[in-house]
Amino acid sequence: MPFFKRVQIYLLALFLSASAPQLLAQKTDDSEKAEAVIAKAVQAVGGERYLQVRSLVGRGKYSVLKEGAVASFQSFVDVMVYPDKERAEFRGGGTQLTQVNTGDTGWVYDGDQDVIKVQTETQVANFKQAIRTSLDHLLRGHWKAARHSPIWESAHDAWQTKRRDPADLHRRPRSRI
């Protein structure tokens, strides 16, 4: 993960943890509290300018570990077009792997075998889950299109339950029976 992105996530987490007690004191319902936290987080990362970004290019290098030792270094280029398109290229050690996703479809190019493969349903589902649970997805409000509302849980309540998918912040449907 690029350094800037890590710093951004750290600052956002710090901001959210600092604002949580203040929001708990407000006498609003759970959905309003959660939406207020999201709105403050959006302002912390740039407000309207952040929301106007439609694509993102990330570049970097990372080390591949095998059996606890560095096996190779690879570079990557990751291009996102919001809300659900991505192209990731990995190169290094004489290999190349390219993965492309567009909503409900995707393909992978394996440079070692010089072959393009259509992604399986599981691979596409993993991509969609990664998008749905990303911080960008939450902050940009893409969950609203799925007619979900964010929910508010105190830190105590959240730690008392089993490990959750981050998307649980907004999985409760707006229409309740």
C-alpha atoms as a PDB file:
ATOM      1  CA  MET A   1       0.000   0.000   0.000  1.00  0.00           C
ATOM      2  CA  PRO A   2       1.450   3.392  -0.947  1.00  0.00           C
ATOM      3  CA  PHE A   3       2.771   5.538   1.913  1.00  0.00           C
ATOM      4  CA  PHE A   4       0.328   8.400   1.224  1.00  0.00           C
ATOM      5  CA  LYS A   5      -2.642   6.025   1.354  1.00  0.00           C
ATOM      6  CA  ARG A   6      -1.446   4.528   4.663  1.00  0.00           C
ATOM      7  CA  VAL A   7      -1.060   7.999   6.173  1.00  0.00           C
ATOM      8  CA  GLN A   8      -4.510   8.968   4.912  1.00  0.00           C
ATOM      9  CA  ILE A   9      -6.111   5.865   6.446  1.00  0.00           C
ATOM     10  CA  TYR A  10      -4.239   6.394   9.731  1.00  0.00           C
ATOM     11  CA  LEU A  11      -5.386  10.024   9.947  1.00  0.00           C
ATOM     12  CA  LEU A  12      -8.942   9.035   9.129  1.00  0.00           C
ATOM     13  CA  ALA A  13      -8.936   6.340  11.819  1.00  0.00           C
ATOM     14  CA  LEU A  14      -7.518   8.847  14.305  1.00  0.00           C
ATOM     15  CA  PHE A  15     -10.166  11.385  13.322  1.00  0.00           C
ATOM     16  CA  LEU A  16     -12.976   8.851  13.611  1.00  0.00           C
ATOM     17  CA  SER A  17     -11.822   7.641  17.023  1.00  0.00           C
ATOM     18  CA  ALA A  18     -11.521  11.228  18.282  1.00  0.00           C
ATOM     19  CA  SER A  19     -14.977  12.212  17.041  1.00  0.00           C
ATOM     20  CA  ALA A  20     -16.791   9.092  18.256  1.00  0.00           C
ATOM     21  CA  PRO A  21     -17.405  10.213  21.886  1.00  0.00           C
ATOM     22  CA  GLN A  22     -18.775  13.555  20.713  1.00  0.00           C
ATOM     23  CA  LEU A  23     -21.166  11.855  18.297  1.00  0.00           C
ATOM     24  CA  LEU A  24     -22.341   9.387  20.949  1.00  0.00           C
ATOM     25  CA  ALA A  25     -23.525  12.309  23.087  1.00  0.00           C
ATOM     26  CA  GLN A  26     -25.834  13.579  20.360  1.00  0.00           C
ATOM     27  CA  LYS A  27     -29.479  12.612  20.599  1.00  0.00           C
ATOM     28  CA  THR A  28     -29.986  11.381  17.045  1.00  0.00           C
ATOM     29  CA  ASP A  29     -30.801   7.943  15.738  1.00  0.00           C
ATOM     30  CA  ASP A  30     -28.126   5.423  14.741  1.00  0.00           C
ATOM     31  CA  SER A  31     -28.266   6.204  11.040  1.00  0.00           C
ATOM     32  CA  GLU A  32     -27.837   9.951  11.567  1.00  0.00           C
ATOM     33  CA  LYS A  33     -24.866   9.377  13.878  1.00  0.00           C
ATOM     34  CA  ALA A  34     -23.169   7.111  11.352  1.00  0.00           C
ATOM     35  CA  GLU A  35     -23.832   9.510   8.484  1.00  0.00           C
ATOM     36  CA  ALA A  36     -22.380  12.366  10.573  1.00  0.00           C
ATOM     37  CA  VAL A  37     -19.172  10.391  11.141  1.00  0.00           C
ATOM     38  CA  ILE A  38     -18.942   9.659   7.418  1.00  0.00           C
ATOM     39  CA  ALA A  39     -19.545  13.325   6.539  1.00  0.00           C
ATOM     40  CA  LYS A  40     -16.804  14.465   8.949  1.00  0.00           C
ATOM     41  CA  ALA A  41     -14.431  11.866   7.531  1.00  0.00           C
ATOM     42  CA  VAL A  42     -15.127  13.106   3.990  1.00  0.00           C
ATOM     43  CA  GLN A  43     -14.329  16.656   5.109  1.00  0.00           C
ATOM     44  CA  ALA A  44     -11.096  15.425   6.728  1.00  0.00           C
ATOM     45  CA  VAL A  45      -9.856  13.957   3.429  1.00  0.00           C
ATOM     46  CA  GLY A  46     -10.751  16.940   1.248  1.00  0.00           C
ATOM     47  CA  GLY A  47     -14.519  17.333   1.181  1.00  0.00           C
ATOM     48  CA  GLU A  48     -16.030  18.083  -2.212  1.00  0.00           C
ATOM     49  CA  ARG A  49     -12.642  17.914  -3.985  1.00  0.00           C
ATOM     50  CA  TYR A  50     -12.218  14.340  -2.705  1.00  0.00           C
ATOM     51  CA  LEU A  51     -15.716  13.399  -3.894  1.00  0.00           C
ATOM     52  CA  GLN A  52     -15.022  14.807  -7.383  1.00  0.00           C
ATOM     53  CA  VAL A  53     -12.131  12.396  -7.981  1.00  0.00           C
ATOM     54  CA  ARG A  54     -13.280   9.811 -10.527  1.00  0.00           C
ATOM     55  CA  SER A  55     -10.066   7.820 -11.001  1.00  0.00           C
ATOM     56  CA  LEU A  56      -6.962   6.985  -9.023  1.00  0.00           C
ATOM     57  CA  VAL A  57      -3.567   5.666 -10.099  1.00  0.00           C
ATOM     58  CA  GLY A  58      -1.329   3.976  -7.543  1.00  0.00           C
ATOM     59  CA  ARG A  59       2.247   2.869  -8.172  1.00  0.00           C
ATOM     60  CA  GLY A  60       4.665   1.133  -5.911  1.00  0.00           C
ATOM     61  CA  LYS A  61       6.949  -1.740  -5.103  1.00  0.00           C
ATOM     62  CA  TYR A  62       6.592  -4.554  -2.657  1.00  0.00           C
ATOM     63  CA  SER A  63       8.466  -7.668  -1.690  1.00  0.00           C
ATOM     64  CA  VAL A  64       7.122 -11.175  -2.174  1.00  0.00           C
ATOM     65  CA  LEU A  65       7.786 -13.379   0.847  1.00  0.00           C
ATOM     66  CA  LYS A  66       8.141 -17.147   0.678  1.00  0.00           C
ATOM     67  CA  GLU A  67       8.894 -19.203   3.768  1.00  0.00           C
ATOM     68  CA  GLY A  68       9.704 -16.084   5.754  1.00  0.00           C
ATOM     69  CA  ALA A  69      12.296 -14.730   3.333  1.00  0.00           C
ATOM     70  CA  VAL A  70      12.163 -12.197   0.508  1.00  0.00           C
ATOM     71  CA  ALA A  71      11.745 -14.170  -2.695  1.00  0.00           C
ATOM     72  CA  SER A  72      11.526 -11.254  -5.120  1.00  0.00           C
ATOM     73  CA  PHE A  73      10.604  -7.621  -5.519  1.00  0.00           C
ATOM     74  CA  GLN A  74       7.728  -6.613  -7.745  1.00  0.00           C
ATOM     75  CA  SER A  75       6.378  -3.304  -8.909  1.00  0.00           C
ATOM     76  CA  PHE A  76       2.705  -2.582  -9.431  1.00  0.00           C
ATOM     77  CA  VAL A  77       0.438  -0.076 -11.105  1.00  0.00           C
ATOM     78  CA  ASP A  78      -3.154  -0.005  -9.923  1.00  0.00           C
ATOM     79  CA  VAL A  79      -5.741   2.091 -11.800  1.00  0.00           C
ATOM     80  CA  MET A  80      -9.196   2.545 -10.275  1.00  0.00           C
ATOM     81  CA  VAL A  81     -12.139   4.183 -12.020  1.00  0.00           C
ATOM     82  CA  TYR A  82     -14.932   4.683  -9.519  1.00  0.00           C
ATOM     83  CA  PRO A  83     -17.147   3.027  -8.603  1.00  0.00           C
ATOM     84  CA  ASP A  84     -16.261  -0.463  -9.873  1.00  0.00           C
ATOM     85  CA  LYS A  85     -13.456  -0.651 -12.424  1.00  0.00           C
ATOM     86  CA  GLU A  86      -9.855  -1.631 -11.755  1.00  0.00           C
ATOM     87  CA  ARG A  87      -6.726  -2.627 -13.650  1.00  0.00           C
ATOM     88  CA  ALA A  88      -3.774  -3.933 -11.622  1.00  0.00           C
ATOM     89  CA  GLU A  89      -0.435  -4.830 -13.203  1.00  0.00           C
ATOM     90  CA  PHE A  90       2.317  -6.638 -11.332  1.00  0.00           C
ATOM     91  CA  ARG A  91       5.837  -7.003 -12.756  1.00  0.00           C
ATOM     92  CA  GLY A  92       9.073  -8.315 -11.404  1.00  0.00           C
ATOM     93  CA  GLY A  93      11.435 -11.245 -11.498  1.00  0.00           C
ATOM     94  CA  GLY A  94      10.702 -11.716 -15.193  1.00  0.00           C
ATOM     95  CA  THR A  95       6.969 -12.198 -14.639  1.00  0.00           C
ATOM     96  CA  GLN A  96       3.908 -10.139 -15.436  1.00  0.00           C
ATOM     97  CA  LEU A  97       0.368 -10.480 -14.132  1.00  0.00           C
ATOM     98  CA  THR A  98      -2.478  -8.169 -15.131  1.00  0.00           C
ATOM     99  CA  GLN A  99      -5.932  -8.291 -13.574  1.00  0.00           C
ATOM    100  CA  VAL A 100      -8.856  -6.274 -14.920  1.00  0.00           C
ATOM    101  CA  ASN A 101     -12.318  -5.976 -13.364  1.00  0.00           C
ATOM    102  CA  THR A 102     -15.343  -4.094 -14.649  1.00  0.00           C
ATOM    103  CA  GLY A 103     -18.346  -4.560 -12.399  1.00  0.00           C
ATOM    104  CA  ASP A 104     -19.563  -8.138 -12.849  1.00  0.00           C
ATOM    105  CA  THR A 105     -16.783  -9.326 -15.169  1.00  0.00           C
ATOM    106  CA  GLY A 106     -13.034  -9.607 -15.208  1.00  0.00           C
ATOM    107  CA  TRP A 107     -10.006 -11.285 -16.727  1.00  0.00           C
ATOM    108  CA  VAL A 108      -6.421 -12.101 -15.766  1.00  0.00           C
ATOM    109  CA  TYR A 109      -3.360 -12.134 -18.023  1.00  0.00           C
ATOM    110  CA  ASP A 110      -0.657 -14.555 -16.851  1.00  0.00           C
ATOM    111  CA  GLY A 111       2.593 -13.513 -18.524  1.00  0.00           C
ATOM    112  CA  ASP A 112       4.389 -16.708 -17.497  1.00  0.00           C
ATOM    113  CA  GLN A 113       1.952 -18.796 -19.522  1.00  0.00           C
ATOM    114  CA  ASP A 114       1.094 -16.032 -22.025  1.00  0.00           C
ATOM    115  CA  VAL A 115      -2.610 -16.672 -21.526  1.00  0.00           C
ATOM    116  CA  ILE A 116      -5.700 -14.610 -20.719  1.00  0.00           C
ATOM    117  CA  LYS A 117      -8.277 -16.231 -18.457  1.00  0.00           C
ATOM    118  CA  VAL A 118     -11.796 -15.065 -17.672  1.00  0.00           C
ATOM    119  CA  GLN A 119     -12.183 -14.658 -13.923  1.00  0.00           C
ATOM    120  CA  THR A 120     -14.219 -17.213 -12.021  1.00  0.00           C
ATOM    121  CA  GLU A 121     -17.358 -16.229 -10.119  1.00  0.00           C
ATOM    122  CA  THR A 122     -15.328 -16.454  -6.901  1.00  0.00           C
ATOM    123  CA  GLN A 123     -12.652 -14.068  -8.200  1.00  0.00           C
ATOM    124  CA  VAL A 124     -15.282 -11.554  -9.334  1.00  0.00           C
ATOM    125  CA  ALA A 125     -17.084 -11.910  -5.980  1.00  0.00           C
ATOM    126  CA  ASN A 126     -13.798 -11.248  -4.156  1.00  0.00           C
ATOM    127  CA  PHE A 127     -13.250  -8.103  -6.232  1.00  0.00           C
ATOM    128  CA  LYS A 128     -16.779  -6.881  -5.532  1.00  0.00           C
ATOM    129  CA  GLN A 129     -16.354  -7.534  -1.806  1.00  0.00           C
ATOM    130  CA  ALA A 130     -13.049  -5.639  -1.792  1.00  0.00           C
ATOM    131  CA  ILE A 131     -14.753  -2.681  -3.463  1.00  0.00           C
ATOM    132  CA  ARG A 132     -17.809  -2.836  -1.203  1.00  0.00           C
ATOM    133  CA  THR A 133     -15.672  -2.938   1.951  1.00  0.00           C
ATOM    134  CA  SER A 134     -13.206  -0.248   0.899  1.00  0.00           C
ATOM    135  CA  LEU A 135     -12.933   3.055   2.687  1.00  0.00           C
ATOM    136  CA  ASP A 136     -13.459   4.910  -0.603  1.00  0.00           C
ATOM    137  CA  HIS A 137     -16.752   3.088  -1.199  1.00  0.00           C
ATOM    138  CA  LEU A 138     -17.984   4.113   2.233  1.00  0.00           C
ATOM    139  CA  LEU A 139     -16.828   7.733   2.042  1.00  0.00           C
ATOM    140  CA  ARG A 140     -18.064   8.291  -1.507  1.00  0.00           C
ATOM    141  CA  GLY A 141     -21.544   7.070  -0.544  1.00  0.00           C
ATOM    142  CA  HIS A 142     -21.799   4.336  -3.178  1.00  0.00           C
ATOM    143  CA  TRP A 143     -23.654   2.265  -0.578  1.00  0.00           C
ATOM    144  CA  LYS A 144     -26.623   4.651  -0.978  1.00  0.00           C
ATOM    145  CA  ALA A 145     -27.352   3.264  -4.460  1.00  0.00           C
ATOM    146  CA  ALA A 146     -27.949  -0.145  -2.852  1.00  0.00           C
ATOM    147  CA  ARG A 147     -30.553   1.475  -0.587  1.00  0.00           C
ATOM    148  CA  HIS A 148     -28.591   0.853   2.609  1.00  0.00           C
ATOM    149  CA  SER A 149     -28.252   3.018   5.678  1.00  0.00           C
ATOM    150  CA  PRO A 150     -25.173   3.238   7.833  1.00  0.00           C
ATOM    151  CA  ILE A 151     -25.552   2.054  11.409  1.00  0.00           C
ATOM    152  CA  TRP A 152     -23.784   3.334  14.481  1.00  0.00           C
ATOM    153  CA  GLU A 153     -22.229   1.025  17.035  1.00  0.00           C
ATOM    154  CA  SER A 154     -20.232   2.143  20.002  1.00  0.00           C
ATOM    155  CA  ALA A 155     -16.688   0.806  20.181  1.00  0.00           C
ATOM    156  CA  HIS A 156     -17.767  -1.345  23.132  1.00  0.00           C
ATOM    157  CA  ASP A 157     -20.624  -2.942  21.176  1.00  0.00           C
ATOM    158  CA  ALA A 158     -18.435  -3.522  18.146  1.00  0.00           C
ATOM    159  CA  TRP A 159     -15.738  -5.320  20.170  1.00  0.00           C
ATOM    160  CA  GLN A 160     -18.303  -7.510  21.929  1.00  0.00           C
ATOM    161  CA  THR A 161     -19.453  -9.065  18.670  1.00  0.00           C
ATOM    162  CA  LYS A 162     -17.626 -11.402  16.353  1.00  0.00           C
ATOM    163  CA  ARG A 163     -15.237 -10.049  13.729  1.00  0.00           C
ATOM    164  CA  ARG A 164     -17.219  -8.158  11.115  1.00  0.00           C
ATOM    165  CA  ASP A 165     -16.914  -7.282   7.502  1.00  0.00           C
ATOM    166  CA  PRO A 166     -16.325  -3.492   7.370  1.00  0.00           C
ATOM    167  CA  ALA A 167     -19.307  -3.256   5.019  1.00  0.00           C
ATOM    168  CA  ASP A 168     -21.505  -3.991   8.044  1.00  0.00           C
ATOM    169  CA  LEU A 169     -21.289  -0.259   8.673  1.00  0.00           C
ATOM    170  CA  HIS A 170     -23.876   0.143   5.958  1.00  0.00           C
ATOM    171  CA  ARG A 171     -25.608  -3.141   5.352  1.00  0.00           C
ATOM    172  CA  ARG A 172     -28.869  -2.436   7.109  1.00  0.00           C
ATOM    173  CA  PRO A 173     -31.616  -1.787   4.535  1.00  0.00           C
ATOM    174  CA  ARG A 174     -33.448   1.537   4.731  1.00  0.00           C
ATOM    175  CA  SER A 175     -36.822  -0.112   4.459  1.00  0.00           C
ATOM    176  CA  ARG A 176     -37.433  -2.022   7.654  1.00  0.00           C
ATOM    177  CA  ILE A 177     -40.280  -4.377   8.371  1.00  0.00           C
END
